[in-house]
Amino acid sequence: MIGPGTGVRVYLACGHTDMRKGIMGLSAIAQDVLRQRPANGAVFAFRGRRGDRVKLLYWDGQGFCLYYKVLEKGRFPWPAATDGSVRLTAAQLAMLFEGVWGYPPW
């Protein structure tokens, strides 16, 4: 995956997100719900209701990047909380996105 460096902040949006949302809708969630500036260089991760889809929103300094992954089998592990966010390291995000995440930190 082409993306942010190793020192980036990562925020997982707890609960589920409507996967029909695009860049503007997800950046509004990052700002209004997660209380973060979407263009601050952090990565924001959102999971769909079924758990097999994840979108990552990232500002690269010139514009927003939106990564979207749909699993053929299985589900992405996610916090049980219905609101708020969980911080991850860039390494944990990479493992989650690549499907090798074995034990969630929550």
Protein backbone atom coordinates (compact mmCIF):
# COMPACT_ATOMS: atom_id res chain seq x y z
CA MET A 1 0.00 0.00 0.00
CA ILE A 2 1.32 3.44 -0.88
CA GLY A 3 0.62 5.67 2.04
CA PRO A 4 1.81 7.61 5.06
CA GLY A 5 5.10 7.07 6.84
CA THR A 6 5.78 5.14 10.02
CA GLY A 7 5.30 8.04 12.44
CA VAL A 8 1.76 8.91 11.40
CA ARG A 9 -1.12 9.09 13.89
CA VAL A 10 -3.94 6.63 13.21
CA TYR A 11 -7.51 6.96 14.47
CA LEU A 12 -10.07 4.16 14.14
CA ALA A 13 -13.65 5.43 14.20
CA CYS A 14 -15.47 3.12 16.62
CA GLY A 15 -18.75 1.59 15.58
CA HIS A 16 -19.75 1.34 11.93
CA THR A 17 -19.74 3.91 9.16
CA ASP A 18 -21.93 4.21 6.08
CA MET A 19 -19.58 3.01 3.33
CA ARG A 20 -21.42 5.12 0.76
CA LYS A 21 -19.66 8.17 2.22
CA GLY A 22 -16.84 9.63 0.18
CA ILE A 23 -13.99 11.95 1.07
CA MET A 24 -16.16 14.87 2.17
CA GLY A 25 -18.49 12.74 4.29
CA LEU A 26 -15.63 10.90 6.00
CA SER A 27 -13.71 14.11 6.64
CA ALA A 28 -16.87 15.54 8.25
CA ILE A 29 -16.97 12.52 10.59
CA ALA A 30 -13.28 13.00 11.43
CA GLN A 31 -13.95 16.64 12.31
CA ASP A 32 -17.39 16.51 13.95
CA VAL A 33 -17.40 13.09 15.65
CA LEU A 34 -13.72 12.31 16.25
CA ARG A 35 -12.85 15.98 16.97
CA GLN A 36 -9.76 15.91 14.74
CA ARG A 37 -8.73 18.11 11.83
CA PRO A 38 -8.99 15.88 8.75
CA ALA A 39 -6.10 17.67 7.00
CA ASN A 40 -3.64 17.29 9.90
CA GLY A 41 -1.73 14.37 8.34
CA ALA A 42 -3.37 11.61 10.40
CA VAL A 43 -4.99 8.50 8.97
CA PHE A 44 -8.66 7.92 9.76
CA ALA A 45 -10.02 4.37 9.48
CA PHE A 46 -13.72 3.58 9.06
CA ARG A 47 -15.40 0.15 8.95
CA GLY A 48 -18.74 -0.79 7.40
CA ARG A 49 -21.62 -2.46 9.20
CA ARG A 50 -20.85 -6.00 7.93
CA GLY A 51 -17.20 -5.69 8.94
CA ASP A 52 -15.76 -6.75 5.60
CA ARG A 53 -15.03 -3.21 4.33
CA VAL A 54 -12.60 -0.56 5.51
CA LYS A 55 -11.93 2.94 4.20
CA LEU A 56 -8.82 4.90 5.13
CA LEU A 57 -8.77 8.68 4.74
CA TYR A 58 -5.41 10.45 4.64
CA TRP A 59 -4.28 13.99 3.80
CA ASP A 60 -0.91 13.79 1.99
CA GLY A 61 -0.21 17.53 1.98
CA GLN A 62 -1.70 18.15 -1.44
CA GLY A 63 -5.10 16.52 -1.15
CA PHE A 64 -7.02 13.64 0.36
CA CYS A 65 -6.27 10.00 -0.41
CA LEU A 66 -9.02 7.43 0.07
CA TYR A 67 -8.10 3.76 0.36
CA TYR A 68 -10.88 1.18 0.22
CA LYS A 69 -10.55 -2.52 0.94
CA VAL A 70 -13.19 -5.25 0.79
CA LEU A 71 -12.33 -8.65 2.24
CA GLU A 72 -13.30 -11.72 0.26
CA LYS A 73 -13.55 -13.75 3.51
CA GLY A 74 -13.64 -12.77 7.14
CA ARG A 75 -14.08 -9.48 8.94
CA PHE A 76 -11.84 -6.70 10.13
CA PRO A 77 -11.48 -6.69 13.95
CA TRP A 78 -12.92 -3.50 15.41
CA PRO A 79 -13.63 -1.99 18.84
CA ALA A 80 -17.06 -2.79 20.26
CA ALA A 81 -17.69 0.82 21.34
CA THR A 82 -20.33 2.65 19.32
CA ASP A 83 -18.63 6.05 19.27
CA GLY A 84 -15.27 7.71 19.77
CA SER A 85 -11.95 6.58 18.39
CA VAL A 86 -9.02 4.28 19.16
CA ARG A 87 -5.39 5.18 18.41
CA LEU A 88 -3.17 2.72 16.56
CA THR A 89 0.42 2.82 15.40
CA ALA A 90 1.22 2.84 11.69
CA ALA A 91 2.49 -0.75 12.02
CA GLN A 92 -0.78 -1.89 13.60
CA LEU A 93 -2.73 -0.19 10.82
CA ALA A 94 -0.63 -1.93 8.17
CA MET A 95 -1.27 -5.32 9.80
CA LEU A 96 -4.99 -4.59 10.05
CA PHE A 97 -5.23 -3.47 6.42
CA GLU A 98 -3.22 -6.43 5.15
CA GLY A 99 -5.36 -8.93 7.06
CA VAL A 100 -2.64 -10.24 9.38
CA TRP A 101 -3.99 -8.54 12.51
CA GLY A 102 -4.23 -11.26 15.10
CA TYR A 103 -5.11 -9.58 18.36
CA PRO A 104 -6.78 -6.20 18.60
CA PRO A 105 -5.47 -3.83 21.33
CA TRP A 106 -8.93 -3.07 22.72
